[in-house]
Amino acid sequence: MKKLLKPPVIAPALSSVSALACEKPQVTGYTSVDCLKDGLAKVKQNGKFGFIDNKGKVVIPVQYDNAWVFENGKALVQLNGEEFYIDETGKRLN
């Protein structure tokens, strides 16, 4: 009796790859552009960080010494040695 070879199950693997896909705005003029997260992408320019939307429009000006990506509507940033959270408009959160 011949055994039939079953094709490998790749659908779950493909779906997990798409979950890891990185969408970046197609822009120039930045040292680095991160993946969109919560609708915003962190950018670096002249050693400072800010955030742009999916069309490349500056939403939060490039002014921070360091910044982390947005998660649940807020991002941790560093300015003049002080760390604090901002919302998606750049407003400082308490």
PDB file of N, CA and C in Angstrom:
ATOM      1  N   MET A   1       0.826  -1.186   0.000  1.00  0.00           N
ATOM      2  CA  MET A   1       0.000   0.000   0.000  1.00  0.00           C
ATOM      3  C   MET A   1       0.870   1.249   0.000  1.00  0.00           C
ATOM      4  N   LYS A   2       0.530   2.162  -0.868  1.00  0.00           N
ATOM      5  CA  LYS A   2       1.264   3.420  -0.912  1.00  0.00           C
ATOM      6  C   LYS A   2       0.661   4.404   0.072  1.00  0.00           C
ATOM      7  N   LYS A   3       1.527   5.126   0.722  1.00  0.00           N
ATOM      8  CA  LYS A   3       1.054   6.184   1.616  1.00  0.00           C
ATOM      9  C   LYS A   3       0.991   7.473   0.823  1.00  0.00           C
ATOM     10  N   LEU A   4      -0.058   8.179   0.996  1.00  0.00           N
ATOM     11  CA  LEU A   4      -0.183   9.477   0.341  1.00  0.00           C
ATOM     12  C   LEU A   4       0.480  10.530   1.204  1.00  0.00           C
ATOM     13  N   LEU A   5       1.271  11.321   0.564  1.00  0.00           N
ATOM     14  CA  LEU A   5       1.909  12.415   1.295  1.00  0.00           C
ATOM     15  C   LEU A   5       0.937  13.573   1.389  1.00  0.00           C
ATOM     16  N   LYS A   6       0.788  14.050   2.570  1.00  0.00           N
ATOM     17  CA  LYS A   6      -0.100  15.195   2.773  1.00  0.00           C
ATOM     18  C   LYS A   6       0.706  16.470   2.586  1.00  0.00           C
ATOM     19  N   PRO A   7       0.133  17.435   1.904  1.00  0.00           N
ATOM     20  CA  PRO A   7       0.852  18.705   1.763  1.00  0.00           C
ATOM     21  C   PRO A   7       0.983  19.371   3.129  1.00  0.00           C
ATOM     22  N   PRO A   8       2.085  20.053   3.353  1.00  0.00           N
ATOM     23  CA  PRO A   8       2.249  20.726   4.651  1.00  0.00           C
ATOM     24  C   PRO A   8       1.204  21.821   4.831  1.00  0.00           C
ATOM     25  N   VAL A   9       0.846  22.009   6.052  1.00  0.00           N
ATOM     26  CA  VAL A   9      -0.115  23.061   6.366  1.00  0.00           C
ATOM     27  C   VAL A   9       0.658  24.369   6.462  1.00  0.00           C
ATOM     28  N   ILE A  10       0.407  25.255   5.508  1.00  0.00           N
ATOM     29  CA  ILE A  10       1.145  26.520   5.502  1.00  0.00           C
ATOM     30  C   ILE A  10       0.256  27.726   5.752  1.00  0.00           C
ATOM     31  N   ALA A  11      -1.032  27.539   5.751  1.00  0.00           N
ATOM     32  CA  ALA A  11      -1.925  28.687   5.953  1.00  0.00           C
ATOM     33  C   ALA A  11      -1.659  29.404   7.275  1.00  0.00           C
ATOM     34  N   PRO A  12      -1.542  28.689   8.403  1.00  0.00           N
ATOM     35  CA  PRO A  12      -1.252  29.410   9.651  1.00  0.00           C
ATOM     36  C   PRO A  12       0.079  30.143   9.594  1.00  0.00           C
ATOM     37  N   ALA A  13       1.057  29.532   8.946  1.00  0.00           N
ATOM     38  CA  ALA A  13       2.359  30.189   8.846  1.00  0.00           C
ATOM     39  C   ALA A  13       2.252  31.467   8.027  1.00  0.00           C
ATOM     40  N   LEU A  14       1.502  31.428   6.947  1.00  0.00           N
ATOM     41  CA  LEU A  14       1.340  32.624   6.116  1.00  0.00           C
ATOM     42  C   LEU A  14       0.605  33.723   6.857  1.00  0.00           C
ATOM     43  N   SER A  15      -0.405  33.348   7.623  1.00  0.00           N
ATOM     44  CA  SER A  15      -1.147  34.382   8.336  1.00  0.00           C
ATOM     45  C   SER A  15      -0.292  35.026   9.417  1.00  0.00           C
ATOM     46  N   SER A  16       0.600  34.256  10.037  1.00  0.00           N
ATOM     47  CA  SER A  16       1.451  34.860  11.056  1.00  0.00           C
ATOM     48  C   SER A  16       2.507  35.757  10.425  1.00  0.00           C
ATOM     49  N   VAL A  17       2.935  35.438   9.208  1.00  0.00           N
ATOM     50  CA  VAL A  17       3.880  36.304   8.512  1.00  0.00           C
ATOM     51  C   VAL A  17       3.222  37.633   8.189  1.00  0.00           C
ATOM     52  N   SER A  18       1.974  37.598   7.732  1.00  0.00           N
ATOM     53  CA  SER A  18       1.302  38.858   7.406  1.00  0.00           C
ATOM     54  C   SER A  18       1.057  39.690   8.658  1.00  0.00           C
ATOM     55  N   ALA A  19       0.908  39.034   9.794  1.00  0.00           N
ATOM     56  CA  ALA A  19       0.724  39.779  11.039  1.00  0.00           C
ATOM     57  C   ALA A  19       2.001  40.518  11.419  1.00  0.00           C
ATOM     58  N   LEU A  20       3.134  40.024  10.935  1.00  0.00           N
ATOM     59  CA  LEU A  20       4.406  40.651  11.243  1.00  0.00           C
ATOM     60  C   LEU A  20       4.828  41.658  10.181  1.00  0.00           C
ATOM     61  N   ALA A  21       4.024  41.810   9.144  1.00  0.00           N
ATOM     62  CA  ALA A  21       4.369  42.728   8.062  1.00  0.00           C
ATOM     63  C   ALA A  21       4.497  44.148   8.595  1.00  0.00           C
ATOM     64  N   CYS A  22       5.447  44.840   8.053  1.00  0.00           N
ATOM     65  CA  CYS A  22       5.734  46.202   8.488  1.00  0.00           C
ATOM     66  C   CYS A  22       5.320  47.170   7.394  1.00  0.00           C
ATOM     67  N   GLU A  23       4.407  48.052   7.712  1.00  0.00           N
ATOM     68  CA  GLU A  23       3.996  49.080   6.760  1.00  0.00           C
ATOM     69  C   GLU A  23       4.680  50.387   7.143  1.00  0.00           C
ATOM     70  N   LYS A  24       5.481  50.905   6.216  1.00  0.00           N
ATOM     71  CA  LYS A  24       6.194  52.160   6.450  1.00  0.00           C
ATOM     72  C   LYS A  24       5.739  53.191   5.426  1.00  0.00           C
ATOM     73  N   PRO A  25       5.539  54.430   5.861  1.00  0.00           N
ATOM     74  CA  PRO A  25       5.246  55.490   4.896  1.00  0.00           C
ATOM     75  C   PRO A  25       6.432  55.651   3.943  1.00  0.00           C
ATOM     76  N   GLN A  26       6.144  55.891   2.684  1.00  0.00           N
ATOM     77  CA  GLN A  26       7.192  56.083   1.683  1.00  0.00           C
ATOM     78  C   GLN A  26       7.580  57.554   1.655  1.00  0.00           C
ATOM     79  N   VAL A  27       8.595  57.903   2.430  1.00  0.00           N
ATOM     80  CA  VAL A  27       9.043  59.291   2.551  1.00  0.00           C
ATOM     81  C   VAL A  27      10.560  59.353   2.454  1.00  0.00           C
ATOM     82  N   THR A  28      11.054  60.539   2.175  1.00  0.00           N
ATOM     83  CA  THR A  28      12.495  60.772   2.151  1.00  0.00           C
ATOM     84  C   THR A  28      12.809  61.910   3.115  1.00  0.00           C
ATOM     85  N   GLY A  29      14.087  62.089   3.384  1.00  0.00           N
ATOM     86  CA  GLY A  29      14.506  63.184   4.249  1.00  0.00           C
ATOM     87  C   GLY A  29      14.692  62.802   5.701  1.00  0.00           C
ATOM     88  N   TYR A  30      14.534  61.520   5.997  1.00  0.00           N
ATOM     89  CA  TYR A  30      14.707  61.043   7.371  1.00  0.00           C
ATOM     90  C   TYR A  30      15.836  60.023   7.420  1.00  0.00           C
ATOM     91  N   THR A  31      16.553  60.005   8.531  1.00  0.00           N
ATOM     92  CA  THR A  31      17.599  59.013   8.745  1.00  0.00           C
ATOM     93  C   THR A  31      16.990  57.632   8.885  1.00  0.00           C
ATOM     94  N   SER A  32      15.840  57.559   9.568  1.00  0.00           N
ATOM     95  CA  SER A  32      15.132  56.288   9.717  1.00  0.00           C
ATOM     96  C   SER A  32      13.636  56.535   9.806  1.00  0.00           C
ATOM     97  N   VAL A  33      12.883  55.537   9.359  1.00  0.00           N
ATOM     98  CA  VAL A  33      11.421  55.553   9.426  1.00  0.00           C
ATOM     99  C   VAL A  33      10.999  54.191   9.949  1.00  0.00           C
ATOM    100  N   ASP A  34      10.288  54.173  11.078  1.00  0.00           N
ATOM    101  CA  ASP A  34       9.817  52.916  11.658  1.00  0.00           C
ATOM    102  C   ASP A  34       8.489  52.504  11.039  1.00  0.00           C
ATOM    103  N   CYS A  35       8.063  51.305  11.379  1.00  0.00           N
ATOM    104  CA  CYS A  35       6.766  50.799  10.942  1.00  0.00           C
ATOM    105  C   CYS A  35       5.646  51.613  11.586  1.00  0.00           C
ATOM    106  N   LEU A  36       4.521  51.681  10.901  1.00  0.00           N
ATOM    107  CA  LEU A  36       3.350  52.334  11.479  1.00  0.00           C
ATOM    108  C   LEU A  36       2.869  51.523  12.673  1.00  0.00           C
ATOM    109  N   LYS A  37       2.568  52.208  13.734  1.00  0.00           N
ATOM    110  CA  LYS A  37       2.036  51.585  14.944  1.00  0.00           C
ATOM    111  C   LYS A  37       1.006  52.550  15.506  1.00  0.00           C
ATOM    112  N   ASP A  38      -0.219  52.094  15.671  1.00  0.00           N
ATOM    113  CA  ASP A  38      -1.318  52.966  16.100  1.00  0.00           C
ATOM    114  C   ASP A  38      -1.490  54.141  15.135  1.00  0.00           C
ATOM    115  N   GLY A  39      -1.192  53.903  13.840  1.00  0.00           N
ATOM    116  CA  GLY A  39      -1.401  54.929  12.819  1.00  0.00           C
ATOM    117  C   GLY A  39      -0.279  55.934  12.663  1.00  0.00           C
ATOM    118  N   LEU A  40       0.789  55.803  13.456  1.00  0.00           N
ATOM    119  CA  LEU A  40       1.910  56.740  13.375  1.00  0.00           C
ATOM    120  C   LEU A  40       3.228  55.982  13.240  1.00  0.00           C
ATOM    121  N   ALA A  41       4.160  56.600  12.527  1.00  0.00           N
ATOM    122  CA  ALA A  41       5.492  56.022  12.375  1.00  0.00           C
ATOM    123  C   ALA A  41       6.511  56.960  12.996  1.00  0.00           C
ATOM    124  N   LYS A  42       7.393  56.407  13.801  1.00  0.00           N
ATOM    125  CA  LYS A  42       8.473  57.197  14.396  1.00  0.00           C
ATOM    126  C   LYS A  42       9.508  57.473  13.316  1.00  0.00           C
ATOM    127  N   VAL A  43       9.984  58.720  13.263  1.00  0.00           N
ATOM    128  CA  VAL A  43      11.023  59.094  12.306  1.00  0.00           C
ATOM    129  C   VAL A  43      12.184  59.743  13.042  1.00  0.00           C
ATOM    130  N   LYS A  44      13.354  59.657  12.420  1.00  0.00           N
ATOM    131  CA  LYS A  44      14.553  60.278  12.979  1.00  0.00           C
ATOM    132  C   LYS A  44      15.141  61.204  11.925  1.00  0.00           C
ATOM    133  N   GLN A  45      15.496  62.405  12.379  1.00  0.00           N
ATOM    134  CA  GLN A  45      16.084  63.405  11.488  1.00  0.00           C
ATOM    135  C   GLN A  45      17.050  64.253  12.304  1.00  0.00           C
ATOM    136  N   ASN A  46      18.289  64.330  11.849  1.00  0.00           N
ATOM    137  CA  ASN A  46      19.310  65.119  12.550  1.00  0.00           C
ATOM    138  C   ASN A  46      19.413  64.755  14.030  1.00  0.00           C
ATOM    139  N   GLY A  47      19.303  63.459  14.341  1.00  0.00           N
ATOM    140  CA  GLY A  47      19.465  62.991  15.708  1.00  0.00           C
ATOM    141  C   GLY A  47      18.261  63.190  16.616  1.00  0.00           C
ATOM    142  N   LYS A  48      17.160  63.704  16.083  1.00  0.00           N
ATOM    143  CA  LYS A  48      15.937  63.925  16.869  1.00  0.00           C
ATOM    144  C   LYS A  48      14.812  63.058  16.310  1.00  0.00           C
ATOM    145  N   PHE A  49      13.770  62.867  17.130  1.00  0.00           N
ATOM    146  CA  PHE A  49      12.663  61.994  16.759  1.00  0.00           C
ATOM    147  C   PHE A  49      11.331  62.733  16.752  1.00  0.00           C
ATOM    148  N   GLY A  50      10.440  62.270  15.893  1.00  0.00           N
ATOM    149  CA  GLY A  50       9.076  62.771  15.811  1.00  0.00           C
ATOM    150  C   GLY A  50       8.216  61.678  15.195  1.00  0.00           C
ATOM    151  N   PHE A  51       6.987  62.026  14.786  1.00  0.00           N
ATOM    152  CA  PHE A  51       6.063  61.024  14.258  1.00  0.00           C
ATOM    153  C   PHE A  51       5.321  61.566  13.044  1.00  0.00           C
ATOM    154  N   ILE A  52       5.127  60.678  12.054  1.00  0.00           N
ATOM    155  CA  ILE A  52       4.377  61.018  10.850  1.00  0.00           C
ATOM    156  C   ILE A  52       3.222  60.040  10.688  1.00  0.00           C
ATOM    157  N   ASP A  53       2.239  60.425   9.858  1.00  0.00           N
ATOM    158  CA  ASP A  53       1.126  59.518   9.586  1.00  0.00           C
ATOM    159  C   ASP A  53       1.447  58.653   8.367  1.00  0.00           C
ATOM    160  N   ASN A  54       0.470  57.869   7.927  1.00  0.00           N
ATOM    161  CA  ASN A  54       0.707  56.932   6.824  1.00  0.00           C
ATOM    162  C   ASN A  54       0.942  57.618   5.480  1.00  0.00           C
ATOM    163  N   LYS A  55       0.611  58.880   5.374  1.00  0.00           N
ATOM    164  CA  LYS A  55       0.846  59.629   4.142  1.00  0.00           C
ATOM    165  C   LYS A  55       2.152  60.427   4.195  1.00  0.00           C
ATOM    166  N   GLY A  56       2.839  60.379   5.342  1.00  0.00           N
ATOM    167  CA  GLY A  56       4.099  61.090   5.493  1.00  0.00           C
ATOM    168  C   GLY A  56       3.961  62.480   6.079  1.00  0.00           C
ATOM    169  N   LYS A  57       2.748  62.857   6.470  1.00  0.00           N
ATOM    170  CA  LYS A  57       2.520  64.176   7.070  1.00  0.00           C
ATOM    171  C   LYS A  57       3.021  64.175   8.517  1.00  0.00           C
ATOM    172  N   VAL A  58       3.756  65.223   8.874  1.00  0.00           N
ATOM    173  CA  VAL A  58       4.255  65.342  10.245  1.00  0.00           C
ATOM    174  C   VAL A  58       3.076  65.590  11.181  1.00  0.00           C
ATOM    175  N   VAL A  59       2.913  64.712  12.150  1.00  0.00           N
ATOM    176  CA  VAL A  59       1.848  64.835  13.144  1.00  0.00           C
ATOM    177  C   VAL A  59       2.421  65.379  14.448  1.00  0.00           C
ATOM    178  N   ILE A  60       3.590  64.887  14.811  1.00  0.00           N
ATOM    179  CA  ILE A  60       4.292  65.338  16.016  1.00  0.00           C
ATOM    180  C   ILE A  60       5.697  65.732  15.567  1.00  0.00           C
ATOM    181  N   PRO A  61       6.045  67.007  15.708  1.00  0.00           N
ATOM    182  CA  PRO A  61       7.320  67.506  15.178  1.00  0.00           C
ATOM    183  C   PRO A  61       8.544  66.737  15.680  1.00  0.00           C
ATOM    184  N   VAL A  62       9.555  66.690  14.832  1.00  0.00           N
ATOM    185  CA  VAL A  62      10.832  66.066  15.166  1.00  0.00           C
ATOM    186  C   VAL A  62      11.536  66.988  16.155  1.00  0.00           C
ATOM    187  N   GLN A  63      11.494  66.601  17.442  1.00  0.00           N
ATOM    188  CA  GLN A  63      12.062  67.450  18.489  1.00  0.00           C
ATOM    189  C   GLN A  63      12.600  66.676  19.685  1.00  0.00           C
ATOM    190  N   TYR A  64      12.289  65.387  19.744  1.00  0.00           N
ATOM    191  CA  TYR A  64      12.628  64.601  20.930  1.00  0.00           C
ATOM    192  C   TYR A  64      14.010  63.964  20.814  1.00  0.00           C
ATOM    193  N   ASP A  65      14.710  63.885  21.951  1.00  0.00           N
ATOM    194  CA  ASP A  65      16.029  63.258  21.998  1.00  0.00           C
ATOM    195  C   ASP A  65      15.932  61.748  21.796  1.00  0.00           C
ATOM    196  N   ASN A  66      14.820  61.167  22.213  1.00  0.00           N
ATOM    197  CA  ASN A  66      14.546  59.749  22.010  1.00  0.00           C
ATOM    198  C   ASN A  66      13.041  59.562  22.032  1.00  0.00           C
ATOM    199  N   ALA A  67      12.582  58.502  21.403  1.00  0.00           N
ATOM    200  CA  ALA A  67      11.148  58.219  21.372  1.00  0.00           C
ATOM    201  C   ALA A  67      10.946  56.733  21.144  1.00  0.00           C
ATOM    202  N   TRP A  68       9.873  56.221  21.679  1.00  0.00           N
ATOM    203  CA  TRP A  68       9.487  54.836  21.485  1.00  0.00           C
ATOM    204  C   TRP A  68       8.184  54.835  20.705  1.00  0.00           C
ATOM    205  N   VAL A  69       7.841  53.725  20.085  1.00  0.00           N
ATOM    206  CA  VAL A  69       6.649  53.662  19.241  1.00  0.00           C
ATOM    207  C   VAL A  69       5.370  53.796  20.071  1.00  0.00           C
ATOM    208  N   PHE A  70       4.315  54.202  19.399  1.00  0.00           N
ATOM    209  CA  PHE A  70       3.019  54.331  20.051  1.00  0.00           C
ATOM    210  C   PHE A  70       2.440  52.961  20.350  1.00  0.00           C
ATOM    211  N   GLU A  71       1.802  52.878  21.489  1.00  0.00           N
ATOM    212  CA  GLU A  71       1.079  51.685  21.881  1.00  0.00           C
ATOM    213  C   GLU A  71      -0.086  52.120  22.750  1.00  0.00           C
ATOM    214  N   ASN A  72      -1.278  51.690  22.358  1.00  0.00           N
ATOM    215  CA  ASN A  72      -2.501  52.055  23.079  1.00  0.00           C
ATOM    216  C   ASN A  72      -2.660  53.567  23.198  1.00  0.00           C
ATOM    217  N   GLY A  73      -2.320  54.272  22.126  1.00  0.00           N
ATOM    218  CA  GLY A  73      -2.566  55.712  22.077  1.00  0.00           C
ATOM    219  C   GLY A  73      -1.552  56.598  22.770  1.00  0.00           C
ATOM    220  N   LYS A  74      -0.432  56.024  23.218  1.00  0.00           N
ATOM    221  CA  LYS A  74       0.579  56.872  23.852  1.00  0.00           C
ATOM    222  C   LYS A  74       1.978  56.360  23.522  1.00  0.00           C
ATOM    223  N   ALA A  75       2.947  57.275  23.596  1.00  0.00           N
ATOM    224  CA  ALA A  75       4.343  56.918  23.343  1.00  0.00           C
ATOM    225  C   ALA A  75       5.214  57.569  24.398  1.00  0.00           C
ATOM    226  N   LEU A  76       6.236  56.866  24.802  1.00  0.00           N
ATOM    227  CA  LEU A  76       7.223  57.406  25.728  1.00  0.00           C
ATOM    228  C   LEU A  76       8.248  58.182  24.910  1.00  0.00           C
ATOM    229  N   VAL A  77       8.552  59.400  25.349  1.00  0.00           N
ATOM    230  CA  VAL A  77       9.545  60.233  24.677  1.00  0.00           C
ATOM    231  C   VAL A  77      10.518  60.778  25.711  1.00  0.00           C
ATOM    232  N   GLN A  78      11.646  61.258  25.216  1.00  0.00           N
ATOM    233  CA  GLN A  78      12.649  61.870  26.089  1.00  0.00           C
ATOM    234  C   GLN A  78      13.024  63.221  25.498  1.00  0.00           C
ATOM    235  N   LEU A  79      13.014  64.233  26.349  1.00  0.00           N
ATOM    236  CA  LEU A  79      13.364  65.586  25.929  1.00  0.00           C
ATOM    237  C   LEU A  79      14.176  66.232  27.040  1.00  0.00           C
ATOM    238  N   ASN A  80      15.379  66.665  26.707  1.00  0.00           N
ATOM    239  CA  ASN A  80      16.277  67.300  27.683  1.00  0.00           C
ATOM    240  C   ASN A  80      16.462  66.450  28.939  1.00  0.00           C
ATOM    241  N   GLY A  81      16.610  65.132  28.753  1.00  0.00           N
ATOM    242  CA  GLY A  81      16.854  64.226  29.867  1.00  0.00           C
ATOM    243  C   GLY A  81      15.618  63.799  30.635  1.00  0.00           C
ATOM    244  N   GLU A  82      14.468  64.339  30.299  1.00  0.00           N
ATOM    245  CA  GLU A  82      13.223  63.994  30.998  1.00  0.00           C
ATOM    246  C   GLU A  82      12.389  63.068  30.121  1.00  0.00           C
ATOM    247  N   GLU A  83      11.881  61.990  30.719  1.00  0.00           N
ATOM    248  CA  GLU A  83      11.017  61.060  30.007  1.00  0.00           C
ATOM    249  C   GLU A  83       9.573  61.267  30.431  1.00  0.00           C
ATOM    250  N   PHE A  84       8.678  61.236  29.442  1.00  0.00           N
ATOM    251  CA  PHE A  84       7.247  61.372  29.704  1.00  0.00           C
ATOM    252  C   PHE A  84       6.479  60.802  28.527  1.00  0.00           C
ATOM    253  N   TYR A  85       5.185  60.603  28.723  1.00  0.00           N
ATOM    254  CA  TYR A  85       4.322  60.079  27.671  1.00  0.00           C
ATOM    255  C   TYR A  85       3.629  61.224  26.947  1.00  0.00           C
ATOM    256  N   ILE A  86       3.387  60.997  25.641  1.00  0.00           N
ATOM    257  CA  ILE A  86       2.590  61.931  24.848  1.00  0.00           C
ATOM    258  C   ILE A  86       1.447  61.151  24.207  1.00  0.00           C
ATOM    259  N   ASP A  87       0.377  61.879  23.851  1.00  0.00           N
ATOM    260  CA  ASP A  87      -0.714  61.242  23.122  1.00  0.00           C
ATOM    261  C   ASP A  87      -0.464  61.388  21.620  1.00  0.00           C
ATOM    262  N   GLU A  88      -1.424  60.951  20.808  1.00  0.00           N
ATOM    263  CA  GLU A  88      -1.249  60.938  19.358  1.00  0.00           C
ATOM    264  C   GLU A  88      -1.272  62.320  18.710  1.00  0.00           C
ATOM    265  N   THR A  89      -1.503  63.350  19.507  1.00  0.00           N
ATOM    266  CA  THR A  89      -1.423  64.721  18.992  1.00  0.00           C
ATOM    267  C   THR A  89      -0.139  65.404  19.450  1.00  0.00           C
ATOM    268  N   GLY A  90       0.621  64.722  20.313  1.00  0.00           N
ATOM    269  CA  GLY A  90       1.854  65.291  20.851  1.00  0.00           C
ATOM    270  C   GLY A  90       1.674  65.943  22.206  1.00  0.00           C
ATOM    271  N   LYS A  91       0.438  65.913  22.714  1.00  0.00           N
ATOM    272  CA  LYS A  91       0.168  66.509  24.027  1.00  0.00           C
ATOM    273  C   LYS A  91       0.790  65.650  25.125  1.00  0.00           C
ATOM    274  N   ARG A  92       1.448  66.318  26.046  1.00  0.00           N
ATOM    275  CA  ARG A  92       2.079  65.634  27.178  1.00  0.00           C
ATOM    276  C   ARG A  92       1.008  65.080  28.114  1.00  0.00           C
ATOM    277  N   LEU A  93       1.199  63.825  28.527  1.00  0.00           N
ATOM    278  CA  LEU A  93       0.272  63.186  29.460  1.00  0.00           C
ATOM    279  C   LEU A  93       0.878  63.197  30.851  1.00  0.00           C
ATOM    280  N   ASN A  94       0.021  63.331  31.855  1.00  0.00           N
ATOM    281  CA  ASN A  94       0.497  63.337  33.246  1.00  0.00           C
ATOM    282  C   ASN A  94       0.574  61.944  33.803  1.00  0.00           C
TER     283      ASN A  94
END
